[in-house]
Protein backbone atom coordinates (compact mmCIF):
# COMPACT_ATOMS: atom_id res chain seq x y z
CA MET A 1 -5.31 10.72 0.77
CA PRO A 2 -4.71 9.20 4.25
CA PHE A 3 -2.52 12.11 5.40
CA ARG A 4 -3.77 15.49 6.58
CA GLU A 5 -1.30 18.30 7.15
CA ILE A 6 -1.71 19.74 10.65
CA ASN A 7 1.08 22.25 10.09
CA SER A 8 4.33 22.31 8.12
CA LYS A 9 5.98 19.85 10.53
CA MET A 10 3.15 17.52 11.57
CA ILE A 11 0.68 15.31 9.72
CA GLU A 12 -2.27 13.21 10.82
CA ALA A 13 -2.93 9.80 9.28
CA GLN A 14 -6.24 7.96 9.19
CA VAL A 15 -5.74 4.27 10.04
CA ILE A 16 -8.48 2.02 8.61
CA PRO A 17 -9.12 -1.62 9.62
CA GLY A 18 -7.72 -4.04 7.06
CA GLN A 19 -5.27 -1.49 5.68
CA ARG A 20 -1.77 -0.77 6.88
CA MET A 21 0.83 1.92 6.53
CA PHE A 22 4.52 2.18 7.30
CA SER A 23 6.37 4.92 9.15
CA GLN A 24 9.87 5.64 10.30
CA ARG A 25 10.45 4.33 13.81
CA GLY A 26 10.18 7.05 16.42
CA ALA A 27 8.00 9.25 14.18
CA MET A 28 4.73 8.69 16.10
CA LEU A 29 3.84 11.77 18.16
CA ALA A 30 0.34 10.85 19.39
CA TYR A 31 -2.62 8.69 18.41
CA ARG A 32 -6.31 8.08 19.07
CA GLY A 33 -8.19 4.79 18.81
CA ASP A 34 -7.10 1.17 18.69
CA VAL A 35 -3.82 1.39 16.79
CA THR A 36 -0.83 -0.97 16.93
CA PHE A 37 2.79 -0.27 16.03
CA THR A 38 5.02 -3.22 15.11
CA PRO A 39 8.72 -3.17 14.13
CA ASN A 40 8.91 -4.15 10.46
CA ILE A 41 11.90 -6.41 9.80
CA ALA A 42 10.93 -6.87 6.15
CA GLY A 43 11.30 -3.17 5.46
CA GLY A 44 7.83 -2.56 4.03
CA GLN A 45 6.00 -3.84 0.96
CA GLY A 46 8.35 -5.63 -1.40
CA GLY A 47 9.35 -8.85 0.35
CA LEU A 48 12.59 -10.37 1.52
CA MET A 49 14.68 -9.60 -1.57
CA SER A 50 13.69 -5.95 -1.38
CA MET A 51 14.80 -5.89 2.26
CA ILE A 52 18.13 -7.57 1.45
CA GLY A 53 18.74 -5.10 -1.36
CA ARG A 54 18.16 -2.15 0.93
CA ARG A 55 20.43 -3.54 3.65
CA VAL A 56 23.24 -4.10 1.15
CA ALA A 57 22.67 -0.56 -0.15
CA GLY A 58 22.62 0.97 3.32
CA GLU A 59 19.02 2.05 2.67
CA ALA A 60 17.43 0.02 5.48
CA THR A 61 15.98 2.86 7.56
CA PRO A 62 14.04 1.16 10.40
CA LEU A 63 10.31 1.09 9.76
CA MET A 64 7.27 0.18 11.79
CA THR A 65 3.94 -1.19 10.59
CA VAL A 66 0.90 0.84 11.67
CA GLU A 67 -2.46 -0.98 11.78
CA GLY A 68 -5.84 -0.82 13.49
CA SER A 69 -8.51 1.85 13.66
CA GLY A 70 -7.91 5.47 14.60
CA THR A 71 -5.73 8.46 13.80
CA VAL A 72 -1.99 8.92 14.28
CA MET A 73 0.07 12.11 14.30
CA PHE A 74 3.55 11.89 12.79
CA GLY A 75 6.56 14.19 12.84
CA HIS A 76 10.30 13.80 13.25
CA GLY A 77 13.15 16.07 14.27
CA GLY A 78 11.18 19.24 13.58
CA HIS A 79 11.68 18.69 9.84
CA HIS A 80 9.27 20.10 7.29
CA ILE A 81 6.93 17.52 5.78
CA GLN A 82 5.76 17.26 2.19
CA VAL A 83 2.92 14.90 1.22
CA ILE A 84 3.24 13.42 -2.28
CA GLU A 85 0.37 11.60 -3.99
CA LEU A 86 1.39 8.83 -6.40
CA THR A 87 -1.03 7.76 -9.13
CA GLY A 88 0.72 4.66 -10.42
CA ASP A 89 4.20 6.03 -11.03
CA THR A 90 7.43 5.65 -9.04
CA LEU A 91 8.90 7.99 -6.44
CA TYR A 92 12.67 8.07 -6.00
CA VAL A 93 13.67 9.26 -2.52
CA GLU A 94 16.40 8.75 0.06
CA ALA A 95 15.30 6.27 2.75
CA ASP A 96 16.06 8.58 5.67
CA ARG A 97 13.66 11.18 4.23
CA LEU A 98 10.66 8.84 4.45
CA LEU A 99 8.33 9.74 7.29
CA ALA A 100 5.30 7.57 6.43
CA PHE A 101 3.67 5.97 3.39
CA ASP A 102 0.73 3.83 2.30
CA GLY A 103 1.14 0.10 2.75
CA THR A 104 -0.20 -0.41 -0.77
CA LEU A 105 2.99 1.04 -2.26
CA GLU A 106 5.74 -1.36 -3.30
CA GLN A 107 9.12 -0.43 -1.88
CA GLY A 108 12.44 -1.28 -3.49
CA THR A 109 15.99 -0.06 -4.09
CA MET A 110 17.55 1.26 -7.28
CA PHE A 111 21.22 1.63 -8.15
CA MET A 112 21.67 5.26 -9.14
CA GLY A 113 24.13 4.33 -11.87
CA ALA A 114 21.33 2.43 -13.61
CA GLN A 115 19.42 5.64 -14.19
CA GLY A 116 22.19 8.19 -14.51
CA GLY A 117 25.11 6.07 -15.73
CA VAL A 118 28.54 7.01 -14.44
CA MET A 119 27.29 10.49 -13.58
CA GLY A 120 24.59 8.93 -11.44
CA MET A 121 27.30 7.23 -9.41
CA VAL A 122 29.25 10.48 -9.16
CA ARG A 123 26.12 12.21 -7.92
CA GLY A 124 25.84 9.71 -5.09
CA GLN A 125 29.35 10.48 -3.92
CA VAL A 126 29.03 14.25 -4.33
CA THR A 127 25.76 14.50 -2.40
CA GLY A 128 26.78 11.97 0.24
CA GLN A 129 23.53 10.09 -0.39
CA GLY A 130 25.23 6.91 -1.53
CA LEU A 131 24.91 5.03 -4.80
CA PHE A 132 21.42 3.70 -4.14
CA THR A 133 18.04 5.30 -3.64
CA THR A 134 14.70 3.97 -2.37
CA THR A 135 11.75 3.58 -4.74
CA LEU A 136 8.03 3.59 -3.94
CA ARG A 137 5.69 2.51 -6.70
CA GLY A 138 1.92 2.37 -7.10
CA ARG A 139 -1.08 4.38 -5.97
CA GLY A 140 -1.01 6.05 -2.57
CA ALA A 141 0.46 8.84 -0.49
CA VAL A 142 3.99 9.38 0.80
CA ALA A 143 5.14 11.87 3.46
CA VAL A 144 8.77 12.95 3.07
CA MET A 145 10.93 15.19 5.25
CA ALA A 146 13.09 18.15 4.27
CA HIS A 147 14.83 21.23 5.65
CA GLY A 148 13.14 24.59 5.29
CA GLY A 149 10.13 23.52 3.26
CA VAL A 150 9.77 22.01 -0.22
CA ILE A 151 8.77 23.26 -3.64
CA GLU A 152 7.54 20.99 -6.46
CA LEU A 153 8.98 21.80 -9.88
CA PRO A 154 7.34 20.18 -12.95
CA ILE A 155 9.59 18.48 -15.48
CA THR A 156 8.28 18.48 -19.05
CA PRO A 157 9.77 17.10 -22.30
CA GLY A 158 12.28 19.50 -23.78
CA ARG A 159 12.43 21.61 -20.60
CA PRO A 160 14.83 19.98 -18.13
CA VAL A 161 15.19 21.29 -14.58
CA HIS A 162 18.61 21.98 -13.05
CA VAL A 163 18.93 21.52 -9.28
CA ASP A 164 21.69 21.97 -6.75
CA PRO A 165 22.38 18.32 -5.75
CA GLN A 166 22.40 19.23 -2.05
CA ALA A 167 18.89 20.72 -2.33
CA TYR A 168 17.43 17.67 -4.10
CA VAL A 169 14.79 15.76 -2.09
CA ALA A 170 12.99 13.36 -4.45
CA HIS A 171 11.48 13.01 -7.91
CA HIS A 172 8.81 10.97 -9.64
CA GLY A 173 7.67 10.17 -13.15
CA ASP A 174 9.55 9.14 -16.27
CA VAL A 175 12.64 11.17 -15.43
CA ARG A 176 16.34 10.75 -16.08
CA ASN A 177 19.03 12.44 -14.01
CA LYS A 178 22.47 13.58 -15.10
CA LEU A 179 25.14 15.28 -13.03
CA SER A 180 27.27 17.81 -14.87
CA THR A 181 29.96 20.29 -13.97
CA ALA A 182 29.68 24.01 -14.57
CA LEU A 183 32.76 26.06 -13.80
CA GLY A 184 31.93 28.69 -11.22
CA TRP A 185 28.24 27.70 -11.05
CA ARG A 186 28.22 26.94 -7.35
CA ASP A 187 30.34 29.96 -6.48
CA MET A 188 28.10 32.35 -8.42
CA VAL A 189 24.63 30.80 -8.08
CA GLY A 190 24.53 27.94 -5.56
CA ARG A 191 25.47 28.27 -1.93
CA GLY A 192 27.53 25.11 -1.65
CA SER A 193 31.30 24.85 -1.58
CA GLY A 194 33.85 22.93 -3.59
CA GLU A 195 33.67 21.88 -7.20
CA ALA A 196 30.67 23.08 -9.20
CA PHE A 197 27.98 20.48 -9.94
CA GLN A 198 24.38 20.65 -11.02
CA LEU A 199 21.80 17.91 -11.32
CA GLU A 200 19.87 17.93 -14.59
CA LEU A 201 16.50 16.14 -14.61
CA SER A 202 14.74 15.61 -17.94
CA GLY A 203 11.64 13.80 -19.15
CA SER A 204 8.15 14.01 -17.69
CA GLY A 205 7.38 14.25 -13.98
CA ALA A 206 8.32 16.46 -11.05
CA VAL A 207 11.25 17.10 -8.72
CA TYR A 208 11.03 18.23 -5.09
CA VAL A 209 13.59 20.77 -3.89
CA GLN A 210 14.20 21.86 -0.30
CA ALA A 211 15.06 25.37 0.81
CA SER A 212 18.39 24.26 2.24
CA GLU A 213 21.57 22.39 1.37
CA GLU A 214 21.56 20.56 4.70
CA LYS A 215 21.12 16.78 4.96
CA LEU A 216 18.73 15.27 7.49
């Protein structure tokens, strides 16, 4: 894993010659060695069409390419950082939550309705996260940001996990999401306001939940 957690809000990345990583612009706190930082107009691994898709979707969070030899410390806005290791599967995460990730991972954009149908589209409007989400696929590490720390909840066949949509951070694996209403659920259990919704994730994988209902 190229990322080492310094504390809950800072990580250190090992930069190796011949390998690159991507980070959110403005996330570099300090570095040692011969390291270069270049604005990435292509939006990471995935090519031009991936970039165009993210711009159309409003998912084009500015990235920079990090290359060279040395170590770099990353952090942003005092947010808590969670490092996720992918072993060939796909991570679904909002673009503005990405702090840094391996350059070996392929980045793309997915229409939420394609995974959750009409309810997937409703979820985008309810959470304010839009109708699209960023995908990272392959083998490597990803550092994501959240409010108040993150807990990883396993999702296993026959045992779906229900999450307050505002507390959702990301998920990975062979997972389907479905937004449903539950009269009084938010008023009695969740801490949000307005109509009661809950996000149901089923299949096999894991979901990451933050200890807050606040967006970045």
